[in-house]
Amino acid sequence: MNAVAKMPKTAKERGKVAPAKLAHVVLRTPPERVGLVLDWYKKVLEAEAMFETEGFGFVSYDTEHHRVAVLGFPGIKEHVDGHAGMHHMAFTYENLGDLMHTYNRIKDEHDIRPEFCINHGPTTSMYYFDPDKNQVELQVDNIPEEKFEEYFANGEFTSNPIGIKFDPEELSARLAAGESEESLLQRPDGIPPDLNEFPAN
């Protein structure tokens, strides 16, 4: 089957009733790890607790009452690689400056570093693991929303739907040196990594 990339019409445009938004993600962990996992999301997302006890808590970084919840369940086992399930959750920043500010802040203040960095074409993305090895993508859109349909029609993503890896230190330095975000967000030429290089979880 040949790959085809396109922007679909919204459910509303197709006359369908769909959710108004994606509200939150709920994670489970052993009860003694609730605080550790919640604290990671507070640090990474600049979130604060809406509600928090020893057994569970909810955090948010915007007007939604909770974006990430962590529930403690007795008997929960450690993460095992290679099982079917959610691969990652993603959070989009307004611009590359905000994304790289976050990269440097959590690296310098909390020693939290990405496992994998890649310019997919539509997004520039950094993948992290939380303390339970849930994978979290911090990203910025490379293409203005109104130009996504045009981008997917030009064939770049179809020819390489994986992307090209990048060094976040180099990207941060180039941005700090005054290189434009527009030029830095363009996907460079290169060979896409093998899927086996992506961190598994």
C-alpha atoms as a PDB file:
ATOM      1  CA  MET A   1       0.000   0.000   0.000  1.00  0.00           C
ATOM      2  CA  ASN A   2       1.380   3.412  -0.969  1.00  0.00           C
ATOM      3  CA  ALA A   3       1.496   5.979   1.813  1.00  0.00           C
ATOM      4  CA  VAL A   4      -0.810   8.972   1.470  1.00  0.00           C
ATOM      5  CA  ALA A   5      -0.533  11.988   3.767  1.00  0.00           C
ATOM      6  CA  LYS A   6      -3.363  14.505   3.921  1.00  0.00           C
ATOM      7  CA  MET A   7      -5.216  16.695   6.379  1.00  0.00           C
ATOM      8  CA  PRO A   8      -8.730  15.279   6.870  1.00  0.00           C
ATOM      9  CA  LYS A   9     -11.774  17.459   7.280  1.00  0.00           C
ATOM     10  CA  THR A  10     -12.844  18.005  10.862  1.00  0.00           C
ATOM     11  CA  ALA A  11     -15.687  15.916  12.244  1.00  0.00           C
ATOM     12  CA  LYS A  12     -17.808  19.070  12.370  1.00  0.00           C
ATOM     13  CA  GLU A  13     -17.094  19.766   8.689  1.00  0.00           C
ATOM     14  CA  ARG A  14     -18.211  16.201   7.956  1.00  0.00           C
ATOM     15  CA  GLY A  15     -21.456  16.747   9.875  1.00  0.00           C
ATOM     16  CA  LYS A  16     -20.424  14.559  12.811  1.00  0.00           C
ATOM     17  CA  VAL A  17     -20.613  15.123  16.556  1.00  0.00           C
ATOM     18  CA  ALA A  18     -17.185  14.676  18.166  1.00  0.00           C
ATOM     19  CA  PRO A  19     -15.500  15.653  21.445  1.00  0.00           C
ATOM     20  CA  ALA A  20     -14.807  19.342  21.972  1.00  0.00           C
ATOM     21  CA  LYS A  21     -11.256  18.625  23.172  1.00  0.00           C
ATOM     22  CA  LEU A  22      -8.864  16.038  24.536  1.00  0.00           C
ATOM     23  CA  ALA A  23      -9.084  16.735  28.263  1.00  0.00           C
ATOM     24  CA  HIS A  24      -6.532  14.735  30.214  1.00  0.00           C
ATOM     25  CA  VAL A  25      -4.322  11.690  30.605  1.00  0.00           C
ATOM     26  CA  VAL A  26      -4.538   9.421  33.657  1.00  0.00           C
ATOM     27  CA  LEU A  27      -1.558   7.309  34.708  1.00  0.00           C
ATOM     28  CA  ARG A  28      -1.401   4.492  37.237  1.00  0.00           C
ATOM     29  CA  THR A  29       1.548   3.773  39.481  1.00  0.00           C
ATOM     30  CA  PRO A  30       2.282   2.031  42.803  1.00  0.00           C
ATOM     31  CA  PRO A  31       0.946   4.191  45.686  1.00  0.00           C
ATOM     32  CA  GLU A  32       4.426   4.986  46.994  1.00  0.00           C
ATOM     33  CA  ARG A  33       5.409   6.527  43.618  1.00  0.00           C
ATOM     34  CA  VAL A  34       2.485   8.939  43.207  1.00  0.00           C
ATOM     35  CA  GLY A  35       4.408  11.926  44.572  1.00  0.00           C
ATOM     36  CA  LEU A  36       7.489  11.146  42.487  1.00  0.00           C
ATOM     37  CA  VAL A  37       5.539  10.916  39.233  1.00  0.00           C
ATOM     38  CA  LEU A  38       3.395  13.983  39.968  1.00  0.00           C
ATOM     39  CA  ASP A  39       6.507  15.975  40.817  1.00  0.00           C
ATOM     40  CA  TRP A  40       8.058  15.085  37.438  1.00  0.00           C
ATOM     41  CA  TYR A  41       5.042  16.464  35.564  1.00  0.00           C
ATOM     42  CA  LYS A  42       5.033  19.604  37.715  1.00  0.00           C
ATOM     43  CA  LYS A  43       8.682  20.207  36.819  1.00  0.00           C
ATOM     44  CA  VAL A  44       8.474  19.382  33.125  1.00  0.00           C
ATOM     45  CA  LEU A  45       5.139  21.061  32.328  1.00  0.00           C
ATOM     46  CA  GLU A  46       5.355  23.944  34.850  1.00  0.00           C
ATOM     47  CA  ALA A  47       2.134  22.455  36.253  1.00  0.00           C
ATOM     48  CA  GLU A  48       0.605  22.821  39.692  1.00  0.00           C
ATOM     49  CA  ALA A  49      -1.612  20.466  41.665  1.00  0.00           C
ATOM     50  CA  MET A  50      -5.348  21.007  41.460  1.00  0.00           C
ATOM     51  CA  PHE A  51      -5.792  18.193  44.000  1.00  0.00           C
ATOM     52  CA  GLU A  52      -3.219  16.010  45.675  1.00  0.00           C
ATOM     53  CA  THR A  53      -3.187  13.317  48.357  1.00  0.00           C
ATOM     54  CA  GLU A  54      -0.823  10.448  49.127  1.00  0.00           C
ATOM     55  CA  GLY A  55      -2.875   8.153  46.888  1.00  0.00           C
ATOM     56  CA  PHE A  56      -3.546  10.292  43.829  1.00  0.00           C
ATOM     57  CA  GLY A  57      -3.304  13.761  42.384  1.00  0.00           C
ATOM     58  CA  PHE A  58      -4.216  15.958  39.424  1.00  0.00           C
ATOM     59  CA  VAL A  59      -2.043  18.667  37.878  1.00  0.00           C
ATOM     60  CA  SER A  60      -2.697  21.385  35.312  1.00  0.00           C
ATOM     61  CA  TYR A  61      -0.721  24.122  33.557  1.00  0.00           C
ATOM     62  CA  ASP A  62      -3.692  25.988  32.014  1.00  0.00           C
ATOM     63  CA  THR A  63      -7.404  26.585  32.633  1.00  0.00           C
ATOM     64  CA  GLU A  64      -8.310  22.887  32.375  1.00  0.00           C
ATOM     65  CA  HIS A  65      -8.967  21.578  35.891  1.00  0.00           C
ATOM     66  CA  HIS A  66      -6.535  18.727  35.265  1.00  0.00           C
ATOM     67  CA  ARG A  67      -4.309  17.723  32.374  1.00  0.00           C
ATOM     68  CA  VAL A  68      -2.401  14.828  33.946  1.00  0.00           C
ATOM     69  CA  ALA A  69      -3.656  12.647  36.784  1.00  0.00           C
ATOM     70  CA  VAL A  70      -1.658  10.029  38.665  1.00  0.00           C
ATOM     71  CA  LEU A  71      -3.466   7.301  40.603  1.00  0.00           C
ATOM     72  CA  GLY A  72      -1.819   4.940  43.064  1.00  0.00           C
ATOM     73  CA  PHE A  73      -2.978   1.328  42.817  1.00  0.00           C
ATOM     74  CA  PRO A  74      -1.664  -1.442  45.105  1.00  0.00           C
ATOM     75  CA  GLY A  75      -0.078  -4.283  43.196  1.00  0.00           C
ATOM     76  CA  ILE A  76       0.872  -2.284  40.097  1.00  0.00           C
ATOM     77  CA  LYS A  77       3.944  -3.847  38.517  1.00  0.00           C
ATOM     78  CA  GLU A  78       6.915  -2.071  36.986  1.00  0.00           C
ATOM     79  CA  HIS A  79       6.855  -1.048  33.335  1.00  0.00           C
ATOM     80  CA  VAL A  80       7.791  -3.774  30.839  1.00  0.00           C
ATOM     81  CA  ASP A  81       9.147  -2.837  27.400  1.00  0.00           C
ATOM     82  CA  GLY A  82       7.664  -4.401  24.310  1.00  0.00           C
ATOM     83  CA  HIS A  83       4.016  -4.640  25.399  1.00  0.00           C
ATOM     84  CA  ALA A  84       1.174  -3.173  23.365  1.00  0.00           C
ATOM     85  CA  GLY A  85      -0.256   0.065  24.680  1.00  0.00           C
ATOM     86  CA  MET A  86       0.115   3.819  24.459  1.00  0.00           C
ATOM     87  CA  HIS A  87       3.444   4.833  22.940  1.00  0.00           C
ATOM     88  CA  HIS A  88       3.546   8.443  24.173  1.00  0.00           C
ATOM     89  CA  MET A  89       1.605  11.578  25.038  1.00  0.00           C
ATOM     90  CA  ALA A  90       2.532  14.915  23.449  1.00  0.00           C
ATOM     91  CA  PHE A  91       2.483  18.560  24.524  1.00  0.00           C
ATOM     92  CA  THR A  92       2.829  21.359  21.951  1.00  0.00           C
ATOM     93  CA  TYR A  93       4.613  24.646  22.670  1.00  0.00           C
ATOM     94  CA  GLU A  94       3.728  27.952  21.058  1.00  0.00           C
ATOM     95  CA  ASN A  95       7.088  28.396  19.371  1.00  0.00           C
ATOM     96  CA  LEU A  96      10.613  26.999  19.167  1.00  0.00           C
ATOM     97  CA  GLY A  97      11.875  29.520  21.717  1.00  0.00           C
ATOM     98  CA  ASP A  98       9.466  28.179  24.341  1.00  0.00           C
ATOM     99  CA  LEU A  99      10.381  24.580  23.516  1.00  0.00           C
ATOM    100  CA  MET A 100      14.118  25.207  23.804  1.00  0.00           C
ATOM    101  CA  HIS A 101      13.627  27.284  26.955  1.00  0.00           C
ATOM    102  CA  THR A 102      11.904  24.245  28.459  1.00  0.00           C
ATOM    103  CA  TYR A 103      14.664  21.912  27.243  1.00  0.00           C
ATOM    104  CA  ASN A 104      17.325  24.053  28.933  1.00  0.00           C
ATOM    105  CA  ARG A 105      15.280  24.713  32.093  1.00  0.00           C
ATOM    106  CA  ILE A 106      14.517  21.102  32.940  1.00  0.00           C
ATOM    107  CA  LYS A 107      18.032  19.997  31.935  1.00  0.00           C
ATOM    108  CA  ASP A 108      19.772  22.643  34.044  1.00  0.00           C
ATOM    109  CA  GLU A 109      17.407  22.729  37.031  1.00  0.00           C
ATOM    110  CA  HIS A 110      16.321  19.085  37.271  1.00  0.00           C
ATOM    111  CA  ASP A 111      18.779  17.064  35.137  1.00  0.00           C
ATOM    112  CA  ILE A 112      15.872  15.837  32.989  1.00  0.00           C
ATOM    113  CA  ARG A 113      17.034  15.158  29.435  1.00  0.00           C
ATOM    114  CA  PRO A 114      15.335  13.865  26.287  1.00  0.00           C
ATOM    115  CA  GLU A 115      15.939  10.302  25.155  1.00  0.00           C
ATOM    116  CA  PHE A 116      15.422  11.068  21.472  1.00  0.00           C
ATOM    117  CA  CYS A 117      15.162  14.253  19.383  1.00  0.00           C
ATOM    118  CA  ILE A 118      13.820  14.336  15.844  1.00  0.00           C
ATOM    119  CA  ASN A 119      12.449  16.788  13.318  1.00  0.00           C
ATOM    120  CA  HIS A 120       9.507  14.830  11.915  1.00  0.00           C
ATOM    121  CA  GLY A 121       8.729  17.470   9.285  1.00  0.00           C
ATOM    122  CA  PRO A 122       5.381  18.637  10.705  1.00  0.00           C
ATOM    123  CA  THR A 123       6.924  18.946  14.188  1.00  0.00           C
ATOM    124  CA  THR A 124      10.240  19.340  15.976  1.00  0.00           C
ATOM    125  CA  SER A 125      10.012  16.832  18.813  1.00  0.00           C
ATOM    126  CA  MET A 126      11.875  15.753  21.937  1.00  0.00           C
ATOM    127  CA  TYR A 127      10.921  12.513  23.688  1.00  0.00           C
ATOM    128  CA  TYR A 128      11.338  12.055  27.440  1.00  0.00           C
ATOM    129  CA  PHE A 129      10.605   9.258  29.925  1.00  0.00           C
ATOM    130  CA  ASP A 130       8.810  10.014  33.189  1.00  0.00           C
ATOM    131  CA  PRO A 131       9.821   8.043  36.340  1.00  0.00           C
ATOM    132  CA  ASP A 132       7.517   5.156  35.364  1.00  0.00           C
ATOM    133  CA  LYS A 133       8.901   5.171  31.794  1.00  0.00           C
ATOM    134  CA  ASN A 134       5.783   6.644  30.232  1.00  0.00           C
ATOM    135  CA  GLN A 135       7.016   8.454  27.137  1.00  0.00           C
ATOM    136  CA  VAL A 136       6.294  12.186  26.843  1.00  0.00           C
ATOM    137  CA  GLU A 137       6.829  14.236  23.694  1.00  0.00           C
ATOM    138  CA  LEU A 138       7.485  17.965  23.916  1.00  0.00           C
ATOM    139  CA  GLN A 139       7.089  19.500  20.480  1.00  0.00           C
ATOM    140  CA  VAL A 140       6.498  22.564  18.373  1.00  0.00           C
ATOM    141  CA  ASP A 141       4.606  22.677  15.078  1.00  0.00           C
ATOM    142  CA  ASN A 142       6.959  23.428  12.186  1.00  0.00           C
ATOM    143  CA  ILE A 143       4.125  24.376   9.856  1.00  0.00           C
ATOM    144  CA  PRO A 144       1.417  26.992  10.533  1.00  0.00           C
ATOM    145  CA  GLU A 145      -1.922  25.260  11.051  1.00  0.00           C
ATOM    146  CA  GLU A 146      -3.429  26.886   7.966  1.00  0.00           C
ATOM    147  CA  LYS A 147      -0.615  25.418   5.819  1.00  0.00           C
ATOM    148  CA  PHE A 148      -0.722  21.811   7.033  1.00  0.00           C
ATOM    149  CA  GLU A 149      -2.843  20.688   4.073  1.00  0.00           C
ATOM    150  CA  GLU A 150      -0.371  22.303   1.674  1.00  0.00           C
ATOM    151  CA  TYR A 151       2.557  20.689   3.482  1.00  0.00           C
ATOM    152  CA  PHE A 152       1.122  17.170   3.372  1.00  0.00           C
ATOM    153  CA  ALA A 153       0.392  17.606  -0.329  1.00  0.00           C
ATOM    154  CA  ASN A 154       4.024  18.450  -1.201  1.00  0.00           C
ATOM    155  CA  GLY A 155       5.266  14.874  -0.659  1.00  0.00           C
ATOM    156  CA  GLU A 156       8.014  15.540   1.918  1.00  0.00           C
ATOM    157  CA  PHE A 157       6.241  13.659   4.700  1.00  0.00           C
ATOM    158  CA  THR A 158       5.193  10.820   2.400  1.00  0.00           C
ATOM    159  CA  SER A 159       8.800  10.310   1.296  1.00  0.00           C
ATOM    160  CA  ASN A 160      10.050  10.308   4.905  1.00  0.00           C
ATOM    161  CA  PRO A 161       7.319   9.974   7.559  1.00  0.00           C
ATOM    162  CA  ILE A 162       9.884   9.373  10.315  1.00  0.00           C
ATOM    163  CA  GLY A 163      12.107  12.444  10.156  1.00  0.00           C
ATOM    164  CA  ILE A 164      15.713  13.456  10.797  1.00  0.00           C
ATOM    165  CA  LYS A 165      17.384  13.374  14.207  1.00  0.00           C
ATOM    166  CA  PHE A 166      18.862  16.547  15.694  1.00  0.00           C
ATOM    167  CA  ASP A 167      21.163  17.541  18.561  1.00  0.00           C
ATOM    168  CA  PRO A 168      19.205  19.740  21.005  1.00  0.00           C
ATOM    169  CA  GLU A 169      22.381  21.437  22.233  1.00  0.00           C
ATOM    170  CA  GLU A 170      23.250  22.487  18.695  1.00  0.00           C
ATOM    171  CA  LEU A 171      19.689  23.636  17.998  1.00  0.00           C
ATOM    172  CA  SER A 172      19.619  25.645  21.234  1.00  0.00           C
ATOM    173  CA  ALA A 173      22.964  27.287  20.431  1.00  0.00           C
ATOM    174  CA  ARG A 174      21.884  28.222  16.901  1.00  0.00           C
ATOM    175  CA  LEU A 175      18.659  29.744  18.229  1.00  0.00           C
ATOM    176  CA  ALA A 176      20.566  31.686  20.901  1.00  0.00           C
ATOM    177  CA  ALA A 177      22.981  32.936  18.227  1.00  0.00           C
ATOM    178  CA  GLY A 178      20.088  34.585  16.405  1.00  0.00           C
ATOM    179  CA  GLU A 179      19.239  32.116  13.665  1.00  0.00           C
ATOM    180  CA  SER A 180      15.568  32.428  12.731  1.00  0.00           C
ATOM    181  CA  GLU A 181      13.015  29.966  14.044  1.00  0.00           C
ATOM    182  CA  GLU A 182      11.652  29.571  10.521  1.00  0.00           C
ATOM    183  CA  SER A 183      14.988  28.283   9.234  1.00  0.00           C
ATOM    184  CA  LEU A 184      15.624  26.084  12.277  1.00  0.00           C
ATOM    185  CA  LEU A 185      12.207  24.415  11.968  1.00  0.00           C
ATOM    186  CA  GLN A 186      12.799  23.317   8.392  1.00  0.00           C
ATOM    187  CA  ARG A 187      13.583  19.630   8.288  1.00  0.00           C
ATOM    188  CA  PRO A 188      17.182  19.110   7.145  1.00  0.00           C
ATOM    189  CA  ASP A 189      18.160  16.634   4.484  1.00  0.00           C
ATOM    190  CA  GLY A 190      19.421  13.293   5.711  1.00  0.00           C
ATOM    191  CA  ILE A 191      18.673   9.651   6.263  1.00  0.00           C
ATOM    192  CA  PRO A 192      15.815   8.797   8.633  1.00  0.00           C
ATOM    193  CA  PRO A 193      16.739   6.670  11.639  1.00  0.00           C
ATOM    194  CA  ASP A 194      15.664   3.060  11.828  1.00  0.00           C
ATOM    195  CA  LEU A 195      12.545   2.600  13.939  1.00  0.00           C
ATOM    196  CA  ASN A 196      14.638   0.446  16.274  1.00  0.00           C
ATOM    197  CA  GLU A 197      16.457   3.615  17.324  1.00  0.00           C
ATOM    198  CA  PHE A 198      13.310   5.087  18.833  1.00  0.00           C
ATOM    199  CA  PRO A 199      13.202   4.534  22.596  1.00  0.00           C
ATOM    200  CA  ALA A 200      10.849   1.655  23.380  1.00  0.00           C
ATOM    201  CA  ASN A 201       8.352   1.686  26.195  1.00  0.00           C
END
